[in-house]
Amino acid sequence: TADVDGKELKMDITNGSDKPWHVMLQQKNLALVAGRSYHFSIDARCPVPFNLVINLQSAPDPPTLYTAMSFPLTTTMATYTKDFTAKVSDATSVMQFNMGGQGVATIWVDNIKLIETIP
């Protein structure tokens, strides 16, 4: 389940399944332009060891992976970042937060940003 807790998104994973994509949060229709640089950042925490896996990919099935991120969360809210350059243009890319396959956990996230950077 997902709820707003204060100003943070709280996700309770009560059955993590055995596949990362079985528990997923996603944002659709993110525009990327080939050759441009981007900065991704997210604030997150989890009271148990948890690896937050985030993929930015194409929407069609099967998807083409543009960039993958993996952040080992701690009990204290921390900021996690990744910089990358888009290799293709895609006006409908999807960001997927894959949280399955790791067991029961509660994850808090805040300040999720994907911004184009000026070199």
PDB file of N, CA and C in Angstrom:
ATOM      1  N   THR A   1       0.843  -1.188   0.000  1.00  0.00           N
ATOM      2  CA  THR A   1       0.000   0.000   0.000  1.00  0.00           C
ATOM      3  C   THR A   1       0.880   1.240   0.000  1.00  0.00           C
ATOM      4  N   ALA A   2       0.324   2.339  -0.427  1.00  0.00           N
ATOM      5  CA  ALA A   2       1.043   3.612  -0.450  1.00  0.00           C
ATOM      6  C   ALA A   2       0.142   4.690   0.124  1.00  0.00           C
ATOM      7  N   ASP A   3       0.721   5.545   0.957  1.00  0.00           N
ATOM      8  CA  ASP A   3       0.008   6.640   1.606  1.00  0.00           C
ATOM      9  C   ASP A   3       0.934   7.820   1.777  1.00  0.00           C
ATOM     10  N   VAL A   4       0.366   8.985   1.923  1.00  0.00           N
ATOM     11  CA  VAL A   4       1.165  10.156   2.266  1.00  0.00           C
ATOM     12  C   VAL A   4       1.260  10.213   3.777  1.00  0.00           C
ATOM     13  N   ASP A   5       2.493  10.276   4.279  1.00  0.00           N
ATOM     14  CA  ASP A   5       2.788  10.334   5.712  1.00  0.00           C
ATOM     15  C   ASP A   5       3.514  11.651   5.957  1.00  0.00           C
ATOM     16  N   GLY A   6       2.789  12.651   6.450  1.00  0.00           N
ATOM     17  CA  GLY A   6       3.360  13.991   6.513  1.00  0.00           C
ATOM     18  C   GLY A   6       3.466  14.497   5.089  1.00  0.00           C
ATOM     19  N   LYS A   7       4.680  14.752   4.629  1.00  0.00           N
ATOM     20  CA  LYS A   7       4.899  15.154   3.243  1.00  0.00           C
ATOM     21  C   LYS A   7       5.644  14.082   2.462  1.00  0.00           C
ATOM     22  N   GLU A   8       5.842  12.918   3.054  1.00  0.00           N
ATOM     23  CA  GLU A   8       6.570  11.834   2.414  1.00  0.00           C
ATOM     24  C   GLU A   8       5.603  10.766   1.914  1.00  0.00           C
ATOM     25  N   LEU A   9       6.020  10.059   0.860  1.00  0.00           N
ATOM     26  CA  LEU A   9       5.254   8.912   0.396  1.00  0.00           C
ATOM     27  C   LEU A   9       5.743   7.697   1.174  1.00  0.00           C
ATOM     28  N   LYS A  10       4.829   7.028   1.848  1.00  0.00           N
ATOM     29  CA  LYS A  10       5.142   5.838   2.639  1.00  0.00           C
ATOM     30  C   LYS A  10       4.581   4.629   1.910  1.00  0.00           C
ATOM     31  N   MET A  11       5.457   3.661   1.634  1.00  0.00           N
ATOM     32  CA  MET A  11       5.036   2.450   0.942  1.00  0.00           C
ATOM     33  C   MET A  11       5.269   1.257   1.857  1.00  0.00           C
ATOM     34  N   ASP A  12       4.193   0.557   2.193  1.00  0.00           N
ATOM     35  CA  ASP A  12       4.266  -0.648   3.022  1.00  0.00           C
ATOM     36  C   ASP A  12       4.225  -1.860   2.107  1.00  0.00           C
ATOM     37  N   ILE A  13       5.302  -2.628   2.117  1.00  0.00           N
ATOM     38  CA  ILE A  13       5.376  -3.843   1.318  1.00  0.00           C
ATOM     39  C   ILE A  13       5.114  -5.006   2.267  1.00  0.00           C
ATOM     40  N   THR A  14       3.943  -5.603   2.132  1.00  0.00           N
ATOM     41  CA  THR A  14       3.561  -6.692   3.033  1.00  0.00           C
ATOM     42  C   THR A  14       3.770  -8.062   2.403  1.00  0.00           C
ATOM     43  N   ASN A  15       3.928  -8.091   1.077  1.00  0.00           N
ATOM     44  CA  ASN A  15       4.220  -9.333   0.369  1.00  0.00           C
ATOM     45  C   ASN A  15       5.115  -8.970  -0.797  1.00  0.00           C
ATOM     46  N   GLY A  16       6.422  -9.106  -0.614  1.00  0.00           N
ATOM     47  CA  GLY A  16       7.378  -8.661  -1.619  1.00  0.00           C
ATOM     48  C   GLY A  16       7.528  -9.558  -2.825  1.00  0.00           C
ATOM     49  N   SER A  17       6.873 -10.727  -2.831  1.00  0.00           N
ATOM     50  CA  SER A  17       6.950 -11.670  -3.940  1.00  0.00           C
ATOM     51  C   SER A  17       8.405 -12.099  -4.139  1.00  0.00           C
ATOM     52  N   ASP A  18       8.705 -12.649  -5.310  1.00  0.00           N
ATOM     53  CA  ASP A  18      10.074 -13.080  -5.584  1.00  0.00           C
ATOM     54  C   ASP A  18      10.676 -12.358  -6.782  1.00  0.00           C
ATOM     55  N   LYS A  19       9.938 -11.424  -7.370  1.00  0.00           N
ATOM     56  CA  LYS A  19      10.411 -10.664  -8.531  1.00  0.00           C
ATOM     57  C   LYS A  19      10.392  -9.171  -8.215  1.00  0.00           C
ATOM     58  N   PRO A  20      11.442  -8.443  -8.594  1.00  0.00           N
ATOM     59  CA  PRO A  20      11.491  -7.001  -8.308  1.00  0.00           C
ATOM     60  C   PRO A  20      10.303  -6.219  -8.866  1.00  0.00           C
ATOM     61  N   TRP A  21       9.813  -6.590 -10.041  1.00  0.00           N
ATOM     62  CA  TRP A  21       8.731  -5.844 -10.694  1.00  0.00           C
ATOM     63  C   TRP A  21       7.338  -6.216 -10.182  1.00  0.00           C
ATOM     64  N   HIS A  22       7.229  -7.139  -9.250  1.00  0.00           N
ATOM     65  CA  HIS A  22       5.918  -7.478  -8.694  1.00  0.00           C
ATOM     66  C   HIS A  22       5.398  -6.424  -7.725  1.00  0.00           C
ATOM     67  N   VAL A  23       6.287  -5.583  -7.201  1.00  0.00           N
ATOM     68  CA  VAL A  23       5.893  -4.435  -6.374  1.00  0.00           C
ATOM     69  C   VAL A  23       6.512  -3.219  -7.045  1.00  0.00           C
ATOM     70  N   MET A  24       5.663  -2.369  -7.640  1.00  0.00           N
ATOM     71  CA  MET A  24       6.190  -1.299  -8.481  1.00  0.00           C
ATOM     72  C   MET A  24       5.400  -0.005  -8.329  1.00  0.00           C
ATOM     73  N   LEU A  25       6.139   1.079  -8.325  1.00  0.00           N
ATOM     74  CA  LEU A  25       5.581   2.429  -8.435  1.00  0.00           C
ATOM     75  C   LEU A  25       6.166   2.985  -9.721  1.00  0.00           C
ATOM     76  N   GLN A  26       5.359   3.653 -10.538  1.00  0.00           N
ATOM     77  CA  GLN A  26       5.921   4.184 -11.776  1.00  0.00           C
ATOM     78  C   GLN A  26       5.360   5.542 -12.132  1.00  0.00           C
ATOM     79  N   GLN A  27       6.194   6.290 -12.863  1.00  0.00           N
ATOM     80  CA  GLN A  27       5.811   7.580 -13.426  1.00  0.00           C
ATOM     81  C   GLN A  27       5.965   7.470 -14.932  1.00  0.00           C
ATOM     82  N   LYS A  28       4.890   7.743 -15.641  1.00  0.00           N
ATOM     83  CA  LYS A  28       4.901   7.622 -17.099  1.00  0.00           C
ATOM     84  C   LYS A  28       5.094   8.986 -17.755  1.00  0.00           C
ATOM     85  N   ASN A  29       5.389   8.936 -19.053  1.00  0.00           N
ATOM     86  CA  ASN A  29       5.470  10.118 -19.919  1.00  0.00           C
ATOM     87  C   ASN A  29       6.530  11.128 -19.494  1.00  0.00           C
ATOM     88  N   LEU A  30       7.710  10.629 -19.193  1.00  0.00           N
ATOM     89  CA  LEU A  30       8.849  11.502 -18.914  1.00  0.00           C
ATOM     90  C   LEU A  30       9.615  11.707 -20.216  1.00  0.00           C
ATOM     91  N   ALA A  31       9.851  12.955 -20.583  1.00  0.00           N
ATOM     92  CA  ALA A  31      10.511  13.260 -21.852  1.00  0.00           C
ATOM     93  C   ALA A  31      12.027  13.308 -21.684  1.00  0.00           C
ATOM     94  N   LEU A  32      12.714  12.583 -22.553  1.00  0.00           N
ATOM     95  CA  LEU A  32      14.174  12.603 -22.626  1.00  0.00           C
ATOM     96  C   LEU A  32      14.575  13.048 -24.021  1.00  0.00           C
ATOM     97  N   VAL A  33      15.698  13.789 -24.117  1.00  0.00           N
ATOM     98  CA  VAL A  33      16.203  14.234 -25.411  1.00  0.00           C
ATOM     99  C   VAL A  33      17.625  13.707 -25.563  1.00  0.00           C
ATOM    100  N   ALA A  34      17.877  13.028 -26.668  1.00  0.00           N
ATOM    101  CA  ALA A  34      19.189  12.430 -26.916  1.00  0.00           C
ATOM    102  C   ALA A  34      20.295  13.476 -26.813  1.00  0.00           C
ATOM    103  N   GLY A  35      21.369  13.115 -26.112  1.00  0.00           N
ATOM    104  CA  GLY A  35      22.527  13.994 -25.964  1.00  0.00           C
ATOM    105  C   GLY A  35      22.438  14.973 -24.814  1.00  0.00           C
ATOM    106  N   ARG A  36      21.281  15.096 -24.207  1.00  0.00           N
ATOM    107  CA  ARG A  36      21.142  16.013 -23.067  1.00  0.00           C
ATOM    108  C   ARG A  36      21.426  15.278 -21.758  1.00  0.00           C
ATOM    109  N   SER A  37      21.929  16.032 -20.786  1.00  0.00           N
ATOM    110  CA  SER A  37      22.289  15.460 -19.488  1.00  0.00           C
ATOM    111  C   SER A  37      21.183  15.693 -18.476  1.00  0.00           C
ATOM    112  N   TYR A  38      21.039  14.728 -17.562  1.00  0.00           N
ATOM    113  CA  TYR A  38      19.973  14.772 -16.559  1.00  0.00           C
ATOM    114  C   TYR A  38      20.540  14.434 -15.183  1.00  0.00           C
ATOM    115  N   HIS A  39      19.881  14.985 -14.172  1.00  0.00           N
ATOM    116  CA  HIS A  39      20.237  14.718 -12.775  1.00  0.00           C
ATOM    117  C   HIS A  39      18.985  14.170 -12.089  1.00  0.00           C
ATOM    118  N   PHE A  40      19.119  12.959 -11.549  1.00  0.00           N
ATOM    119  CA  PHE A  40      18.039  12.348 -10.788  1.00  0.00           C
ATOM    120  C   PHE A  40      18.396  12.407  -9.316  1.00  0.00           C
ATOM    121  N   SER A  41      17.412  12.721  -8.481  1.00  0.00           N
ATOM    122  CA  SER A  41      17.640  12.669  -7.030  1.00  0.00           C
ATOM    123  C   SER A  41      16.362  12.243  -6.325  1.00  0.00           C
ATOM    124  N   ILE A  42      16.559  11.590  -5.188  1.00  0.00           N
ATOM    125  CA  ILE A  42      15.451  11.117  -4.373  1.00  0.00           C
ATOM    126  C   ILE A  42      15.922  11.066  -2.926  1.00  0.00           C
ATOM    127  N   ASP A  43      15.058  11.445  -2.017  1.00  0.00           N
ATOM    128  CA  ASP A  43      15.300  11.253  -0.586  1.00  0.00           C
ATOM    129  C   ASP A  43      14.551   9.989  -0.198  1.00  0.00           C
ATOM    130  N   ALA A  44      15.207   9.097   0.535  1.00  0.00           N
ATOM    131  CA  ALA A  44      14.559   7.834   0.900  1.00  0.00           C
ATOM    132  C   ALA A  44      15.150   7.270   2.179  1.00  0.00           C
ATOM    133  N   ARG A  45      14.358   6.411   2.824  1.00  0.00           N
ATOM    134  CA  ARG A  45      14.812   5.700   4.025  1.00  0.00           C
ATOM    135  C   ARG A  45      13.994   4.429   4.184  1.00  0.00           C
ATOM    136  N   CYS A  46      14.554   3.487   4.964  1.00  0.00           N
ATOM    137  CA  CYS A  46      13.882   2.225   5.249  1.00  0.00           C
ATOM    138  C   CYS A  46      14.478   1.676   6.547  1.00  0.00           C
ATOM    139  N   PRO A  47      13.656   1.204   7.484  1.00  0.00           N
ATOM    140  CA  PRO A  47      14.177   0.715   8.770  1.00  0.00           C
ATOM    141  C   PRO A  47      14.861  -0.648   8.695  1.00  0.00           C
ATOM    142  N   VAL A  48      14.763  -1.323   7.540  1.00  0.00           N
ATOM    143  CA  VAL A  48      15.439  -2.614   7.364  1.00  0.00           C
ATOM    144  C   VAL A  48      16.328  -2.522   6.116  1.00  0.00           C
ATOM    145  N   PRO A  49      17.337  -3.377   5.993  1.00  0.00           N
ATOM    146  CA  PRO A  49      18.176  -3.335   4.782  1.00  0.00           C
ATOM    147  C   PRO A  49      17.315  -3.486   3.526  1.00  0.00           C
ATOM    148  N   PHE A  50      17.453  -2.534   2.614  1.00  0.00           N
ATOM    149  CA  PHE A  50      16.632  -2.541   1.412  1.00  0.00           C
ATOM    150  C   PHE A  50      17.380  -1.842   0.305  1.00  0.00           C
ATOM    151  N   ASN A  51      17.351  -2.419  -0.891  1.00  0.00           N
ATOM    152  CA  ASN A  51      18.006  -1.852  -2.060  1.00  0.00           C
ATOM    153  C   ASN A  51      16.935  -1.328  -3.009  1.00  0.00           C
ATOM    154  N   LEU A  52      16.805  -0.007  -3.111  1.00  0.00           N
ATOM    155  CA  LEU A  52      15.797   0.604  -3.979  1.00  0.00           C
ATOM    156  C   LEU A  52      16.318   0.604  -5.415  1.00  0.00           C
ATOM    157  N   VAL A  53      15.613  -0.109  -6.291  1.00  0.00           N
ATOM    158  CA  VAL A  53      16.012  -0.240  -7.693  1.00  0.00           C
ATOM    159  C   VAL A  53      15.074   0.603  -8.541  1.00  0.00           C
ATOM    160  N   ILE A  54      15.659   1.501  -9.340  1.00  0.00           N
ATOM    161  CA  ILE A  54      14.877   2.401 -10.177  1.00  0.00           C
ATOM    162  C   ILE A  54      15.379   2.290 -11.610  1.00  0.00           C
ATOM    163  N   ASN A  55      14.470   2.031 -12.537  1.00  0.00           N
ATOM    164  CA  ASN A  55      14.815   1.938 -13.957  1.00  0.00           C
ATOM    165  C   ASN A  55      14.113   3.041 -14.727  1.00  0.00           C
ATOM    166  N   LEU A  56      14.841   3.662 -15.636  1.00  0.00           N
ATOM    167  CA  LEU A  56      14.260   4.605 -16.577  1.00  0.00           C
ATOM    168  C   LEU A  56      14.314   3.903 -17.926  1.00  0.00           C
ATOM    169  N   GLN A  57      13.138   3.710 -18.543  1.00  0.00           N
ATOM    170  CA  GLN A  57      13.059   2.858 -19.728  1.00  0.00           C
ATOM    171  C   GLN A  57      11.969   3.313 -20.673  1.00  0.00           C
ATOM    172  N   SER A  58      11.929   2.670 -21.842  1.00  0.00           N
ATOM    173  CA  SER A  58      10.879   2.962 -22.806  1.00  0.00           C
ATOM    174  C   SER A  58       9.568   2.338 -22.327  1.00  0.00           C
ATOM    175  N   ALA A  59       8.471   2.846 -22.856  1.00  0.00           N
ATOM    176  CA  ALA A  59       7.156   2.350 -22.453  1.00  0.00           C
ATOM    177  C   ALA A  59       6.735   1.059 -23.167  1.00  0.00           C
ATOM    178  N   PRO A  60       7.069   0.875 -24.445  1.00  0.00           N
ATOM    179  CA  PRO A  60       6.565  -0.329 -25.124  1.00  0.00           C
ATOM    180  C   PRO A  60       7.107  -1.614 -24.501  1.00  0.00           C
ATOM    181  N   ASP A  61       6.350  -2.684 -24.715  1.00  0.00           N
ATOM    182  CA  ASP A  61       6.749  -3.988 -24.200  1.00  0.00           C
ATOM    183  C   ASP A  61       7.358  -4.791 -25.340  1.00  0.00           C
ATOM    184  N   PRO A  62       8.546  -5.330 -25.257  1.00  0.00           N
ATOM    185  CA  PRO A  62       9.423  -5.249 -24.090  1.00  0.00           C
ATOM    186  C   PRO A  62      10.130  -3.892 -24.037  1.00  0.00           C
ATOM    187  N   PRO A  63      10.378  -3.394 -22.829  1.00  0.00           N
ATOM    188  CA  PRO A  63      11.006  -2.083 -22.697  1.00  0.00           C
ATOM    189  C   PRO A  63      12.496  -2.103 -23.021  1.00  0.00           C
ATOM    190  N   THR A  64      13.001  -0.947 -23.431  1.00  0.00           N
ATOM    191  CA  THR A  64      14.439  -0.737 -23.595  1.00  0.00           C
ATOM    192  C   THR A  64      14.912   0.042 -22.373  1.00  0.00           C
ATOM    193  N   LEU A  65      15.904  -0.487 -21.680  1.00  0.00           N
ATOM    194  CA  LEU A  65      16.430   0.165 -20.484  1.00  0.00           C
ATOM    195  C   LEU A  65      17.351   1.312 -20.882  1.00  0.00           C
ATOM    196  N   TYR A  66      17.060   2.522 -20.365  1.00  0.00           N
ATOM    197  CA  TYR A  66      17.904   3.684 -20.639  1.00  0.00           C
ATOM    198  C   TYR A  66      18.955   3.874 -19.546  1.00  0.00           C
ATOM    199  N   THR A  67      18.549   3.756 -18.304  1.00  0.00           N
ATOM    200  CA  THR A  67      19.501   3.824 -17.198  1.00  0.00           C
ATOM    201  C   THR A  67      18.904   3.100 -15.998  1.00  0.00           C
ATOM    202  N   ALA A  68      19.776   2.472 -15.220  1.00  0.00           N
ATOM    203  CA  ALA A  68      19.354   1.750 -14.021  1.00  0.00           C
ATOM    204  C   ALA A  68      20.049   2.364 -12.814  1.00  0.00           C
ATOM    205  N   MET A  69      19.332   2.425 -11.724  1.00  0.00           N
ATOM    206  CA  MET A  69      19.869   2.975 -10.483  1.00  0.00           C
ATOM    207  C   MET A  69      19.573   2.000  -9.356  1.00  0.00           C
ATOM    208  N   SER A  70      20.474   1.912  -8.409  1.00  0.00           N
ATOM    209  CA  SER A  70      20.292   1.040  -7.261  1.00  0.00           C
ATOM    210  C   SER A  70      20.860   1.746  -6.036  1.00  0.00           C
ATOM    211  N   PHE A  71      20.010   1.947  -5.044  1.00  0.00           N
ATOM    212  CA  PHE A  71      20.409   2.690  -3.855  1.00  0.00           C
ATOM    213  C   PHE A  71      20.165   1.867  -2.601  1.00  0.00           C
ATOM    214  N   PRO A  72      21.222   1.554  -1.828  1.00  0.00           N
ATOM    215  CA  PRO A  72      21.057   0.834  -0.562  1.00  0.00           C
ATOM    216  C   PRO A  72      20.555   1.795   0.511  1.00  0.00           C
ATOM    217  N   LEU A  73      19.303   1.669   0.895  1.00  0.00           N
ATOM    218  CA  LEU A  73      18.691   2.605   1.834  1.00  0.00           C
ATOM    219  C   LEU A  73      19.168   2.355   3.257  1.00  0.00           C
ATOM    220  N   THR A  74      19.152   3.423   4.043  1.00  0.00           N
ATOM    221  CA  THR A  74      19.502   3.352   5.457  1.00  0.00           C
ATOM    222  C   THR A  74      18.298   3.786   6.288  1.00  0.00           C
ATOM    223  N   THR A  75      18.421   3.695   7.596  1.00  0.00           N
ATOM    224  CA  THR A  75      17.314   4.055   8.489  1.00  0.00           C
ATOM    225  C   THR A  75      17.102   5.564   8.559  1.00  0.00           C
ATOM    226  N   THR A  76      18.092   6.330   8.152  1.00  0.00           N
ATOM    227  CA  THR A  76      18.013   7.796   8.177  1.00  0.00           C
ATOM    228  C   THR A  76      17.712   8.307   6.768  1.00  0.00           C
ATOM    229  N   MET A  77      16.820   9.279   6.662  1.00  0.00           N
ATOM    230  CA  MET A  77      16.511   9.865   5.362  1.00  0.00           C
ATOM    231  C   MET A  77      17.799  10.420   4.761  1.00  0.00           C
ATOM    232  N   ALA A  78      18.094  10.001   3.532  1.00  0.00           N
ATOM    233  CA  ALA A  78      19.294  10.448   2.827  1.00  0.00           C
ATOM    234  C   ALA A  78      18.930  10.751   1.380  1.00  0.00           C
ATOM    235  N   THR A  79      19.765  11.550   0.724  1.00  0.00           N
ATOM    236  CA  THR A  79      19.563  11.886  -0.673  1.00  0.00           C
ATOM    237  C   THR A  79      20.448  10.996  -1.535  1.00  0.00           C
ATOM    238  N   TYR A  80      19.837  10.390  -2.551  1.00  0.00           N
ATOM    239  CA  TYR A  80      20.540   9.521  -3.483  1.00  0.00           C
ATOM    240  C   TYR A  80      20.438  10.155  -4.863  1.00  0.00           C
ATOM    241  N   THR A  81      21.537  10.119  -5.624  1.00  0.00           N
ATOM    242  CA  THR A  81      21.555  10.817  -6.915  1.00  0.00           C
ATOM    243  C   THR A  81      22.220   9.981  -8.004  1.00  0.00           C
ATOM    244  N   LYS A  82      21.892  10.338  -9.231  1.00  0.00           N
ATOM    245  CA  LYS A  82      22.582   9.780 -10.391  1.00  0.00           C
ATOM    246  C   LYS A  82      22.490  10.783 -11.525  1.00  0.00           C
ATOM    247  N   ASP A  83      23.625  10.993 -12.191  1.00  0.00           N
ATOM    248  CA  ASP A  83      23.683  11.832 -13.384  1.00  0.00           C
ATOM    249  C   ASP A  83      23.858  10.925 -14.598  1.00  0.00           C
ATOM    250  N   PHE A  84      23.189  11.271 -15.691  1.00  0.00           N
ATOM    251  CA  PHE A  84      23.318  10.472 -16.905  1.00  0.00           C
ATOM    252  C   PHE A  84      23.009  11.330 -18.118  1.00  0.00           C
ATOM    253  N   THR A  85      23.435  10.866 -19.272  1.00  0.00           N
ATOM    254  CA  THR A  85      23.152  11.510 -20.545  1.00  0.00           C
ATOM    255  C   THR A  85      22.251  10.584 -21.355  1.00  0.00           C
ATOM    256  N   ALA A  86      21.158  11.129 -21.861  1.00  0.00           N
ATOM    257  CA  ALA A  86      20.216  10.327 -22.653  1.00  0.00           C
ATOM    258  C   ALA A  86      20.847   9.955 -23.986  1.00  0.00           C
ATOM    259  N   LYS A  87      20.721   8.694 -24.338  1.00  0.00           N
ATOM    260  CA  LYS A  87      21.262   8.219 -25.611  1.00  0.00           C
ATOM    261  C   LYS A  87      20.236   8.281 -26.729  1.00  0.00           C
ATOM    262  N   VAL A  88      18.957   8.350 -26.360  1.00  0.00           N
ATOM    263  CA  VAL A  88      17.872   8.437 -27.344  1.00  0.00           C
ATOM    264  C   VAL A  88      16.859   9.484 -26.887  1.00  0.00           C
ATOM    265  N   SER A  89      16.078   9.963 -27.824  1.00  0.00           N
ATOM    266  CA  SER A  89      14.958  10.838 -27.481  1.00  0.00           C
ATOM    267  C   SER A  89      13.714   9.983 -27.296  1.00  0.00           C
ATOM    268  N   ASP A  90      12.957  10.279 -26.250  1.00  0.00           N
ATOM    269  CA  ASP A  90      11.742   9.521 -25.962  1.00  0.00           C
ATOM    270  C   ASP A  90      10.815  10.401 -25.133  1.00  0.00           C
ATOM    271  N   ALA A  91       9.693  10.775 -25.703  1.00  0.00           N
ATOM    272  CA  ALA A  91       8.743  11.652 -25.010  1.00  0.00           C
ATOM    273  C   ALA A  91       7.850  10.896 -24.038  1.00  0.00           C
ATOM    274  N   THR A  92       7.917   9.570 -24.053  1.00  0.00           N
ATOM    275  CA  THR A  92       7.016   8.769 -23.216  1.00  0.00           C
ATOM    276  C   THR A  92       7.771   7.747 -22.354  1.00  0.00           C
ATOM    277  N   SER A  93       8.975   8.085 -21.929  1.00  0.00           N
ATOM    278  CA  SER A  93       9.726   7.128 -21.110  1.00  0.00           C
ATOM    279  C   SER A  93       9.047   6.951 -19.747  1.00  0.00           C
ATOM    280  N   VAL A  94       9.409   5.855 -19.079  1.00  0.00           N
ATOM    281  CA  VAL A  94       8.783   5.471 -17.813  1.00  0.00           C
ATOM    282  C   VAL A  94       9.865   5.284 -16.751  1.00  0.00           C
ATOM    283  N   MET A  95       9.631   5.831 -15.563  1.00  0.00           N
ATOM    284  CA  MET A  95      10.507   5.579 -14.431  1.00  0.00           C
ATOM    285  C   MET A  95       9.806   4.582 -13.525  1.00  0.00           C
ATOM    286  N   GLN A  96      10.458   3.443 -13.289  1.00  0.00           N
ATOM    287  CA  GLN A  96       9.875   2.396 -12.462  1.00  0.00           C
ATOM    288  C   GLN A  96      10.700   2.198 -11.195  1.00  0.00           C
ATOM    289  N   PHE A  97      10.008   2.205 -10.070  1.00  0.00           N
ATOM    290  CA  PHE A  97      10.597   1.906  -8.779  1.00  0.00           C
ATOM    291  C   PHE A  97      10.238   0.454  -8.473  1.00  0.00           C
ATOM    292  N   ASN A  98      11.189  -0.454  -8.641  1.00  0.00           N
ATOM    293  CA  ASN A  98      10.943  -1.886  -8.458  1.00  0.00           C
ATOM    294  C   ASN A  98      11.325  -2.283  -7.033  1.00  0.00           C
ATOM    295  N   MET A  99      10.326  -2.688  -6.243  1.00  0.00           N
ATOM    296  CA  MET A  99      10.545  -2.920  -4.815  1.00  0.00           C
ATOM    297  C   MET A  99      10.203  -4.332  -4.366  1.00  0.00           C
ATOM    298  N   GLY A 100       9.919  -5.222  -5.309  1.00  0.00           N
ATOM    299  CA  GLY A 100       9.613  -6.598  -4.951  1.00  0.00           C
ATOM    300  C   GLY A 100      10.876  -7.431  -4.795  1.00  0.00           C
ATOM    301  N   GLY A 101      10.698  -8.656  -4.339  1.00  0.00           N
ATOM    302  CA  GLY A 101      11.802  -9.593  -4.238  1.00  0.00           C
ATOM    303  C   GLY A 101      12.729  -9.402  -3.055  1.00  0.00           C
ATOM    304  N   GLN A 102      12.360  -8.516  -2.122  1.00  0.00           N
ATOM    305  CA  GLN A 102      13.233  -8.230  -0.988  1.00  0.00           C
ATOM    306  C   GLN A 102      12.549  -8.426   0.359  1.00  0.00           C
ATOM    307  N   GLY A 103      11.353  -8.936   0.347  1.00  0.00           N
ATOM    308  CA  GLY A 103      10.664  -9.195   1.596  1.00  0.00           C
ATOM    309  C   GLY A 103       9.842  -8.013   2.084  1.00  0.00           C
ATOM    310  N   VAL A 104       9.388  -8.126   3.315  1.00  0.00           N
ATOM    311  CA  VAL A 104       8.533  -7.120   3.939  1.00  0.00           C
ATOM    312  C   VAL A 104       9.371  -5.895   4.315  1.00  0.00           C
ATOM    313  N   ALA A 105       8.851  -4.706   4.014  1.00  0.00           N
ATOM    314  CA  ALA A 105       9.569  -3.464   4.336  1.00  0.00           C
ATOM    315  C   ALA A 105       8.606  -2.291   4.281  1.00  0.00           C
ATOM    316  N   THR A 106       8.989  -1.206   4.928  1.00  0.00           N
ATOM    317  CA  THR A 106       8.308   0.075   4.795  1.00  0.00           C
ATOM    318  C   THR A 106       9.343   1.075   4.294  1.00  0.00           C
ATOM    319  N   ILE A 107       9.012   1.756   3.198  1.00  0.00           N
ATOM    320  CA  ILE A 107       9.938   2.688   2.562  1.00  0.00           C
ATOM    321  C   ILE A 107       9.277   4.058   2.521  1.00  0.00           C
ATOM    322  N   TRP A 108      10.048   5.074   2.881  1.00  0.00           N
ATOM    323  CA  TRP A 108       9.592   6.454   2.762  1.00  0.00           C
ATOM    324  C   TRP A 108      10.423   7.135   1.688  1.00  0.00           C
ATOM    325  N   VAL A 109       9.767   7.881   0.787  1.00  0.00           N
ATOM    326  CA  VAL A 109      10.466   8.651  -0.242  1.00  0.00           C
ATOM    327  C   VAL A 109       9.908  10.070  -0.284  1.00  0.00           C
ATOM    328  N   ASP A 110      10.747  10.987  -0.752  1.00  0.00           N
ATOM    329  CA  ASP A 110      10.371  12.396  -0.828  1.00  0.00           C
ATOM    330  C   ASP A 110      11.279  13.068  -1.856  1.00  0.00           C
ATOM    331  N   ASN A 111      10.875  14.222  -2.338  1.00  0.00           N
ATOM    332  CA  ASN A 111      11.702  15.063  -3.206  1.00  0.00           C
ATOM    333  C   ASN A 111      12.271  14.308  -4.402  1.00  0.00           C
ATOM    334  N   ILE A 112      11.430  13.597  -5.124  1.00  0.00           N
ATOM    335  CA  ILE A 112      11.872  12.869  -6.315  1.00  0.00           C
ATOM    336  C   ILE A 112      11.973  13.881  -7.459  1.00  0.00           C
ATOM    337  N   LYS A 113      13.161  13.952  -8.068  1.00  0.00           N
ATOM    338  CA  LYS A 113      13.384  14.943  -9.124  1.00  0.00           C
ATOM    339  C   LYS A 113      14.169  14.344 -10.279  1.00  0.00           C
ATOM    340  N   LEU A 114      13.779  14.693 -11.483  1.00  0.00           N
ATOM    341  CA  LEU A 114      14.543  14.406 -12.687  1.00  0.00           C
ATOM    342  C   LEU A 114      14.608  15.710 -13.451  1.00  0.00           C
ATOM    343  N   ILE A 115      15.799  16.299 -13.493  1.00  0.00           N
ATOM    344  CA  ILE A 115      15.940  17.612 -14.135  1.00  0.00           C
ATOM    345  C   ILE A 115      17.031  17.570 -15.190  1.00  0.00           C
ATOM    346  N   GLU A 116      16.805  18.332 -16.260  1.00  0.00           N
ATOM    347  CA  GLU A 116      17.833  18.465 -17.280  1.00  0.00           C
ATOM    348  C   GLU A 116      18.890  19.415 -16.746  1.00  0.00           C
ATOM    349  N   THR A 117      20.150  19.049 -16.948  1.00  0.00           N
ATOM    350  CA  THR A 117      21.252  19.882 -16.468  1.00  0.00           C
ATOM    351  C   THR A 117      21.923  20.563 -17.666  1.00  0.00           C
ATOM    352  N   ILE A 118      22.500  21.710 -17.398  1.00  0.00           N
ATOM    353  CA  ILE A 118      23.211  22.452 -18.420  1.00  0.00           C
ATOM    354  C   ILE A 118      24.696  22.138 -18.259  1.00  0.00           C
ATOM    355  N   PRO A 119      25.323  21.599 -19.325  1.00  0.00           N
ATOM    356  CA  PRO A 119      26.760  21.244 -19.201  1.00  0.00           C
ATOM    357  C   PRO A 119      27.647  22.457 -19.042  1.00  0.00           C
TER     358      PRO A 119
END
